[in-house]
Amino acid sequence: MLKKSTNHYTQSDLKTAYQLVQADLFNSLLKAKSGATIRFGNLGKFKKTEQSLSSSLDGGNHVFYKLSFKCFSQLKQAFHDQLSKKYQLR
């Protein structure tokens, strides 16, 4: 029978891990072309799209990137469970 291992991480280890994930996501989003999707593990995916908006004030056209996130079923279920507990839903 295998003994279940427990890992104890220091605050410094966790901070370094979060910084690595954040830097990797940042670089992936910068490198992605418009319309591309970037998976975030089994949690969901980001989609980067280019948008433009015409201004009626100065007559200019403003271009920007829109970033949307779509949750996968595991995260959706976790959110549902969290709200169900908070508001005592069935």
Protein backbone atom coordinates (compact mmCIF):
# COMPACT_ATOMS: atom_id res chain seq x y z
CA MET A 1 0.00 0.00 0.00
CA LEU A 2 1.30 3.43 -0.95
CA LYS A 3 1.56 6.09 1.66
CA LYS A 4 0.02 9.39 0.65
CA SER A 5 2.72 12.03 0.55
CA THR A 6 2.20 15.51 1.85
CA ASN A 7 4.18 18.39 0.46
CA HIS A 8 4.91 21.39 2.57
CA TYR A 9 5.88 24.45 0.58
CA THR A 10 7.31 27.62 2.02
CA GLN A 11 5.80 31.01 1.26
CA SER A 12 8.88 31.73 -0.83
CA ASP A 13 8.34 28.57 -2.92
CA LEU A 14 4.70 29.46 -3.52
CA LYS A 15 5.55 33.05 -4.44
CA THR A 16 8.15 31.85 -6.95
CA ALA A 17 5.69 29.36 -8.47
CA TYR A 18 2.97 32.02 -8.84
CA GLN A 19 5.47 34.42 -10.42
CA LEU A 20 6.49 31.76 -12.96
CA VAL A 21 2.89 31.02 -13.91
CA GLN A 22 2.08 34.72 -14.14
CA ALA A 23 5.14 35.43 -16.34
CA ASP A 24 4.34 32.48 -18.60
CA LEU A 25 0.72 33.58 -19.05
CA PHE A 26 1.82 37.18 -19.69
CA ASN A 27 4.28 36.09 -22.40
CA SER A 28 1.76 33.70 -23.97
CA LEU A 29 -0.84 36.46 -24.19
CA LEU A 30 1.65 38.88 -25.75
CA LYS A 31 2.78 36.37 -28.37
CA ALA A 32 -0.76 35.28 -29.28
CA LYS A 33 -2.23 36.67 -32.46
CA SER A 34 -5.74 38.10 -32.64
CA GLY A 35 -8.32 35.32 -32.51
CA ALA A 36 -5.95 32.91 -30.77
CA THR A 37 -6.91 30.95 -27.68
CA ILE A 38 -4.58 30.14 -24.79
CA ARG A 39 -5.48 27.24 -22.50
CA PHE A 40 -5.02 27.75 -18.78
CA GLY A 41 -4.61 24.15 -17.73
CA ASN A 42 -7.93 22.43 -17.10
CA LEU A 43 -9.52 25.61 -15.71
CA GLY A 44 -10.43 27.36 -18.94
CA LYS A 45 -9.13 29.29 -21.91
CA PHE A 46 -8.39 32.89 -22.78
CA LYS A 47 -9.26 34.32 -26.18
CA LYS A 48 -7.50 37.41 -27.52
CA THR A 49 -9.38 39.46 -30.12
CA GLU A 50 -8.66 42.80 -31.73
CA GLN A 51 -11.45 45.37 -31.41
CA SER A 52 -11.89 48.84 -32.84
CA LEU A 53 -14.05 51.70 -31.70
CA SER A 54 -14.89 54.89 -33.57
CA SER A 55 -14.95 58.01 -31.45
CA SER A 56 -17.63 60.58 -32.13
CA LEU A 57 -15.69 63.19 -30.14
CA ASP A 58 -12.46 63.31 -32.12
CA GLY A 59 -13.49 61.25 -35.16
CA GLY A 60 -10.61 58.87 -34.55
CA ASN A 61 -10.58 55.11 -34.63
CA HIS A 62 -9.23 53.42 -31.49
CA VAL A 63 -7.89 49.88 -31.70
CA PHE A 64 -7.40 47.64 -28.65
CA TYR A 65 -7.25 44.00 -27.61
CA LYS A 66 -10.12 42.33 -25.79
CA LEU A 67 -9.37 39.38 -23.56
CA SER A 68 -12.16 36.96 -22.66
CA PHE A 69 -12.05 33.89 -20.42
CA LYS A 70 -14.22 30.80 -20.74
CA CYS A 71 -14.41 28.43 -17.77
CA PHE A 72 -14.25 24.69 -18.30
CA SER A 73 -16.78 22.44 -16.58
CA GLN A 74 -14.61 21.65 -13.53
CA LEU A 75 -14.23 25.33 -12.62
CA LYS A 76 -17.89 26.06 -13.42
CA GLN A 77 -18.95 23.30 -11.05
CA ALA A 78 -16.64 24.58 -8.31
CA PHE A 79 -18.09 28.10 -8.69
CA HIS A 80 -21.63 26.67 -8.60
CA ASP A 81 -20.86 24.70 -5.44
CA GLN A 82 -19.32 27.79 -3.83
CA LEU A 83 -22.38 29.94 -4.56
CA SER A 84 -24.75 27.16 -3.52
CA LYS A 85 -23.10 27.01 -0.10
CA LYS A 86 -23.05 30.78 0.25
CA TYR A 87 -26.72 31.25 -0.59
CA GLN A 88 -27.86 27.79 0.58
CA LEU A 89 -29.22 26.84 -2.84
CA ARG A 90 -30.18 23.30 -3.73
